[in-house]
Amino acid sequence: MSTKGMSEAELACVYAALILQDDDITITGEKIQTILDSAHVEVESFWPGLYAKALEGCDVK
């Protein structure tokens, strides 16, 4: 995946989703937000849900 042109918010959500997937945890907007909050990363509120919805039904592995 190329990161050229991606915002910090987008990257943060991608990394949070990968962390969830690596731990075999269902990727949801709330869980992405929890990881971002724990890492003290601030993103606009729509990003976590947007990424969770985009990954819904996808085999992230």
PDB file of N, CA and C in Angstrom:
ATOM      1  N   MET A   1       0.846  -1.175   0.000  1.00  0.00           N
ATOM      2  CA  MET A   1       0.000   0.000   0.000  1.00  0.00           C
ATOM      3  C   MET A   1       0.891   1.238   0.000  1.00  0.00           C
ATOM      4  N   SER A   2       0.638   2.116  -0.885  1.00  0.00           N
ATOM      5  CA  SER A   2       1.382   3.370  -0.929  1.00  0.00           C
ATOM      6  C   SER A   2       0.754   4.352   0.040  1.00  0.00           C
ATOM      7  N   THR A   3       1.592   5.060   0.780  1.00  0.00           N
ATOM      8  CA  THR A   3       1.082   6.035   1.739  1.00  0.00           C
ATOM      9  C   THR A   3       1.157   7.452   1.181  1.00  0.00           C
ATOM     10  N   LYS A   4       1.625   7.595  -0.053  1.00  0.00           N
ATOM     11  CA  LYS A   4       1.730   8.916  -0.656  1.00  0.00           C
ATOM     12  C   LYS A   4       0.348   9.533  -0.794  1.00  0.00           C
ATOM     13  N   GLY A   5       0.186  10.713  -0.267  1.00  0.00           N
ATOM     14  CA  GLY A   5      -1.078  11.420  -0.358  1.00  0.00           C
ATOM     15  C   GLY A   5      -2.067  11.101   0.753  1.00  0.00           C
ATOM     16  N   MET A   6      -1.727  10.159   1.618  1.00  0.00           N
ATOM     17  CA  MET A   6      -2.628   9.830   2.724  1.00  0.00           C
ATOM     18  C   MET A   6      -2.406  10.815   3.865  1.00  0.00           C
ATOM     19  N   SER A   7      -3.489  11.189   4.504  1.00  0.00           N
ATOM     20  CA  SER A   7      -3.381  12.079   5.648  1.00  0.00           C
ATOM     21  C   SER A   7      -2.987  11.276   6.883  1.00  0.00           C
ATOM     22  N   GLU A   8      -2.559  11.974   7.912  1.00  0.00           N
ATOM     23  CA  GLU A   8      -2.215  11.308   9.170  1.00  0.00           C
ATOM     24  C   GLU A   8      -3.435  10.593   9.745  1.00  0.00           C
ATOM     25  N   ALA A   9      -4.610  11.179   9.604  1.00  0.00           N
ATOM     26  CA  ALA A   9      -5.837  10.561  10.114  1.00  0.00           C
ATOM     27  C   ALA A   9      -6.108   9.246   9.398  1.00  0.00           C
ATOM     28  N   GLU A  10      -5.932   9.236   8.084  1.00  0.00           N
ATOM     29  CA  GLU A  10      -6.141   8.013   7.322  1.00  0.00           C
ATOM     30  C   GLU A  10      -5.153   6.932   7.736  1.00  0.00           C
ATOM     31  N   LEU A  11      -3.897   7.293   7.856  1.00  0.00           N
ATOM     32  CA  LEU A  11      -2.882   6.328   8.274  1.00  0.00           C
ATOM     33  C   LEU A  11      -3.164   5.787   9.663  1.00  0.00           C
ATOM     34  N   ALA A  12      -3.560   6.655  10.566  1.00  0.00           N
ATOM     35  CA  ALA A  12      -3.853   6.228  11.937  1.00  0.00           C
ATOM     36  C   ALA A  12      -4.983   5.199  11.938  1.00  0.00           C
ATOM     37  N   CYS A  13      -6.008   5.431  11.144  1.00  0.00           N
ATOM     38  CA  CYS A  13      -7.131   4.493  11.075  1.00  0.00           C
ATOM     39  C   CYS A  13      -6.712   3.173  10.446  1.00  0.00           C
ATOM     40  N   VAL A  14      -5.881   3.229   9.425  1.00  0.00           N
ATOM     41  CA  VAL A  14      -5.385   2.007   8.791  1.00  0.00           C
ATOM     42  C   VAL A  14      -4.591   1.190   9.795  1.00  0.00           C
ATOM     43  N   TYR A  15      -3.670   1.833  10.503  1.00  0.00           N
ATOM     44  CA  TYR A  15      -2.853   1.119  11.482  1.00  0.00           C
ATOM     45  C   TYR A  15      -3.705   0.555  12.609  1.00  0.00           C
ATOM     46  N   ALA A  16      -4.685   1.303  13.067  1.00  0.00           N
ATOM     47  CA  ALA A  16      -5.571   0.815  14.131  1.00  0.00           C
ATOM     48  C   ALA A  16      -6.356  -0.405  13.639  1.00  0.00           C
ATOM     49  N   ALA A  17      -6.836  -0.360  12.406  1.00  0.00           N
ATOM     50  CA  ALA A  17      -7.568  -1.497  11.849  1.00  0.00           C
ATOM     51  C   ALA A  17      -6.660  -2.721  11.736  1.00  0.00           C
ATOM     52  N   LEU A  18      -5.417  -2.512  11.352  1.00  0.00           N
ATOM     53  CA  LEU A  18      -4.472  -3.628  11.254  1.00  0.00           C
ATOM     54  C   LEU A  18      -4.172  -4.229  12.622  1.00  0.00           C
ATOM     55  N   ILE A  19      -4.087  -3.394  13.632  1.00  0.00           N
ATOM     56  CA  ILE A  19      -3.884  -3.885  15.002  1.00  0.00           C
ATOM     57  C   ILE A  19      -5.061  -4.766  15.415  1.00  0.00           C
ATOM     58  N   LEU A  20      -6.265  -4.293  15.151  1.00  0.00           N
ATOM     59  CA  LEU A  20      -7.458  -5.074  15.492  1.00  0.00           C
ATOM     60  C   LEU A  20      -7.466  -6.404  14.746  1.00  0.00           C
ATOM     61  N   GLN A  21      -7.173  -6.355  13.455  1.00  0.00           N
ATOM     62  CA  GLN A  21      -7.164  -7.569  12.646  1.00  0.00           C
ATOM     63  C   GLN A  21      -6.102  -8.538  13.145  1.00  0.00           C
ATOM     64  N   ASP A  22      -4.943  -8.028  13.503  1.00  0.00           N
ATOM     65  CA  ASP A  22      -3.849  -8.872  13.980  1.00  0.00           C
ATOM     66  C   ASP A  22      -4.232  -9.615  15.259  1.00  0.00           C
ATOM     67  N   ASP A  23      -5.082  -8.996  16.072  1.00  0.00           N
ATOM     68  CA  ASP A  23      -5.552  -9.615  17.316  1.00  0.00           C
ATOM     69  C   ASP A  23      -6.873 -10.369  17.126  1.00  0.00           C
ATOM     70  N   ASP A  24      -7.284 -10.555  15.864  1.00  0.00           N
ATOM     71  CA  ASP A  24      -8.545 -11.240  15.534  1.00  0.00           C
ATOM     72  C   ASP A  24      -9.757 -10.615  16.211  1.00  0.00           C
ATOM     73  N   ILE A  25      -9.767  -9.287  16.256  1.00  0.00           N
ATOM     74  CA  ILE A  25     -10.878  -8.524  16.829  1.00  0.00           C
ATOM     75  C   ILE A  25     -11.646  -7.892  15.667  1.00  0.00           C
ATOM     76  N   THR A  26     -12.959  -7.969  15.722  1.00  0.00           N
ATOM     77  CA  THR A  26     -13.791  -7.374  14.679  1.00  0.00           C
ATOM     78  C   THR A  26     -13.493  -5.881  14.573  1.00  0.00           C
ATOM     79  N   ILE A  27     -13.304  -5.429  13.343  1.00  0.00           N
ATOM     80  CA  ILE A  27     -12.975  -4.021  13.107  1.00  0.00           C
ATOM     81  C   ILE A  27     -14.265  -3.210  13.100  1.00  0.00           C
ATOM     82  N   THR A  28     -14.391  -2.318  14.076  1.00  0.00           N
ATOM     83  CA  THR A  28     -15.535  -1.405  14.148  1.00  0.00           C
ATOM     84  C   THR A  28     -15.005   0.010  14.340  1.00  0.00           C
ATOM     85  N   GLY A  29     -15.850   0.974  14.037  1.00  0.00           N
ATOM     86  CA  GLY A  29     -15.459   2.365  14.243  1.00  0.00           C
ATOM     87  C   GLY A  29     -15.127   2.656  15.696  1.00  0.00           C
ATOM     88  N   GLU A  30     -15.901   2.061  16.596  1.00  0.00           N
ATOM     89  CA  GLU A  30     -15.687   2.290  18.028  1.00  0.00           C
ATOM     90  C   GLU A  30     -14.340   1.720  18.480  1.00  0.00           C
ATOM     91  N   LYS A  31     -14.004   0.554  17.977  1.00  0.00           N
ATOM     92  CA  LYS A  31     -12.736  -0.072  18.366  1.00  0.00           C
ATOM     93  C   LYS A  31     -11.549   0.666  17.768  1.00  0.00           C
ATOM     94  N   ILE A  32     -11.691   1.141  16.540  1.00  0.00           N
ATOM     95  CA  ILE A  32     -10.632   1.971  15.950  1.00  0.00           C
ATOM     96  C   ILE A  32     -10.451   3.225  16.794  1.00  0.00           C
ATOM     97  N   GLN A  33     -11.557   3.863  17.172  1.00  0.00           N
ATOM     98  CA  GLN A  33     -11.484   5.080  17.978  1.00  0.00           C
ATOM     99  C   GLN A  33     -10.827   4.814  19.331  1.00  0.00           C
ATOM    100  N   THR A  34     -11.116   3.666  19.932  1.00  0.00           N
ATOM    101  CA  THR A  34     -10.515   3.310  21.219  1.00  0.00           C
ATOM    102  C   THR A  34      -8.999   3.228  21.100  1.00  0.00           C
ATOM    103  N   ILE A  35      -8.511   2.598  20.032  1.00  0.00           N
ATOM    104  CA  ILE A  35      -7.061   2.509  19.824  1.00  0.00           C
ATOM    105  C   ILE A  35      -6.471   3.896  19.607  1.00  0.00           C
ATOM    106  N   LEU A  36      -7.136   4.710  18.816  1.00  0.00           N
ATOM    107  CA  LEU A  36      -6.638   6.067  18.562  1.00  0.00           C
ATOM    108  C   LEU A  36      -6.610   6.891  19.848  1.00  0.00           C
ATOM    109  N   ASP A  37      -7.643   6.752  20.666  1.00  0.00           N
ATOM    110  CA  ASP A  37      -7.679   7.466  21.944  1.00  0.00           C
ATOM    111  C   ASP A  37      -6.527   7.013  22.845  1.00  0.00           C
ATOM    112  N   SER A  38      -6.270   5.709  22.868  1.00  0.00           N
ATOM    113  CA  SER A  38      -5.185   5.176  23.696  1.00  0.00           C
ATOM    114  C   SER A  38      -3.823   5.691  23.239  1.00  0.00           C
ATOM    115  N   ALA A  39      -3.707   5.907  21.941  1.00  0.00           N
ATOM    116  CA  ALA A  39      -2.444   6.402  21.382  1.00  0.00           C
ATOM    117  C   ALA A  39      -2.381   7.934  21.370  1.00  0.00           C
ATOM    118  N   HIS A  40      -3.424   8.578  21.875  1.00  0.00           N
ATOM    119  CA  HIS A  40      -3.519  10.050  21.903  1.00  0.00           C
ATOM    120  C   HIS A  40      -3.417  10.641  20.496  1.00  0.00           C
ATOM    121  N   VAL A  41      -4.097   9.971  19.556  1.00  0.00           N
ATOM    122  CA  VAL A  41      -4.151  10.448  18.175  1.00  0.00           C
ATOM    123  C   VAL A  41      -5.539  11.014  17.938  1.00  0.00           C
ATOM    124  N   GLU A  42      -5.598  12.258  17.539  1.00  0.00           N
ATOM    125  CA  GLU A  42      -6.882  12.902  17.290  1.00  0.00           C
ATOM    126  C   GLU A  42      -7.192  12.892  15.800  1.00  0.00           C
ATOM    127  N   VAL A  43      -8.379  12.411  15.471  1.00  0.00           N
ATOM    128  CA  VAL A  43      -8.854  12.435  14.093  1.00  0.00           C
ATOM    129  C   VAL A  43     -10.285  12.949  14.108  1.00  0.00           C
ATOM    130  N   GLU A  44     -10.727  13.417  12.954  1.00  0.00           N
ATOM    131  CA  GLU A  44     -12.120  13.846  12.862  1.00  0.00           C
ATOM    132  C   GLU A  44     -13.007  12.620  13.085  1.00  0.00           C
ATOM    133  N   SER A  45     -14.148  12.844  13.695  1.00  0.00           N
ATOM    134  CA  SER A  45     -14.992  11.742  14.166  1.00  0.00           C
ATOM    135  C   SER A  45     -15.488  10.805  13.072  1.00  0.00           C
ATOM    136  N   PHE A  46     -15.488  11.233  11.819  1.00  0.00           N
ATOM    137  CA  PHE A  46     -16.011  10.373  10.752  1.00  0.00           C
ATOM    138  C   PHE A  46     -15.007   9.323  10.279  1.00  0.00           C
ATOM    139  N   TRP A  47     -13.706   9.537  10.510  1.00  0.00           N
ATOM    140  CA  TRP A  47     -12.691   8.615   9.976  1.00  0.00           C
ATOM    141  C   TRP A  47     -12.830   7.180  10.484  1.00  0.00           C
ATOM    142  N   PRO A  48     -12.903   6.922  11.787  1.00  0.00           N
ATOM    143  CA  PRO A  48     -12.971   5.524  12.243  1.00  0.00           C
ATOM    144  C   PRO A  48     -14.158   4.751  11.649  1.00  0.00           C
ATOM    145  N   GLY A  49     -15.331   5.350  11.649  1.00  0.00           N
ATOM    146  CA  GLY A  49     -16.504   4.693  11.090  1.00  0.00           C
ATOM    147  C   GLY A  49     -16.389   4.468   9.596  1.00  0.00           C
ATOM    148  N   LEU A  50     -15.796   5.423   8.912  1.00  0.00           N
ATOM    149  CA  LEU A  50     -15.605   5.321   7.467  1.00  0.00           C
ATOM    150  C   LEU A  50     -14.708   4.130   7.135  1.00  0.00           C
ATOM    151  N   TYR A  51     -13.620   3.996   7.867  1.00  0.00           N
ATOM    152  CA  TYR A  51     -12.711   2.878   7.617  1.00  0.00           C
ATOM    153  C   TYR A  51     -13.334   1.551   8.012  1.00  0.00           C
ATOM    154  N   ALA A  52     -14.039   1.524   9.106  1.00  0.00           N
ATOM    155  CA  ALA A  52     -14.705   0.286   9.524  1.00  0.00           C
ATOM    156  C   ALA A  52     -15.715  -0.155   8.467  1.00  0.00           C
ATOM    157  N   LYS A  53     -16.477   0.786   7.950  1.00  0.00           N
ATOM    158  CA  LYS A  53     -17.476   0.485   6.917  1.00  0.00           C
ATOM    159  C   LYS A  53     -16.794   0.018   5.631  1.00  0.00           C
ATOM    160  N   ALA A  54     -15.704   0.653   5.267  1.00  0.00           N
ATOM    161  CA  ALA A  54     -14.995   0.286   4.046  1.00  0.00           C
ATOM    162  C   ALA A  54     -14.402  -1.119   4.143  1.00  0.00           C
ATOM    163  N   LEU A  55     -14.020  -1.537   5.333  1.00  0.00           N
ATOM    164  CA  LEU A  55     -13.402  -2.849   5.523  1.00  0.00           C
ATOM    165  C   LEU A  55     -14.410  -3.948   5.822  1.00  0.00           C
ATOM    166  N   GLU A  56     -15.664  -3.552   6.020  1.00  0.00           N
ATOM    167  CA  GLU A  56     -16.714  -4.515   6.342  1.00  0.00           C
ATOM    168  C   GLU A  56     -16.800  -5.570   5.232  1.00  0.00           C
ATOM    169  N   GLY A  57     -16.703  -6.826   5.631  1.00  0.00           N
ATOM    170  CA  GLY A  57     -16.790  -7.912   4.677  1.00  0.00           C
ATOM    171  C   GLY A  57     -15.514  -8.208   3.920  1.00  0.00           C
ATOM    172  N   CYS A  58     -14.462  -7.437   4.170  1.00  0.00           N
ATOM    173  CA  CYS A  58     -13.175  -7.661   3.495  1.00  0.00           C
ATOM    174  C   CYS A  58     -12.297  -8.567   4.337  1.00  0.00           C
ATOM    175  N   ASP A  59     -11.511  -9.376   3.669  1.00  0.00           N
ATOM    176  CA  ASP A  59     -10.517 -10.196   4.356  1.00  0.00           C
ATOM    177  C   ASP A  59      -9.247  -9.351   4.449  1.00  0.00           C
ATOM    178  N   VAL A  60      -9.056  -8.693   5.561  1.00  0.00           N
ATOM    179  CA  VAL A  60      -7.936  -7.760   5.730  1.00  0.00           C
ATOM    180  C   VAL A  60      -6.601  -8.503   5.738  1.00  0.00           C
ATOM    181  N   LYS A  61      -6.620  -9.765   6.132  1.00  0.00           N
ATOM    182  CA  LYS A  61      -5.380 -10.558   6.136  1.00  0.00           C
ATOM    183  C   LYS A  61      -4.867 -10.688   4.732  1.00  0.00           C
TER     184      LYS A  61
END
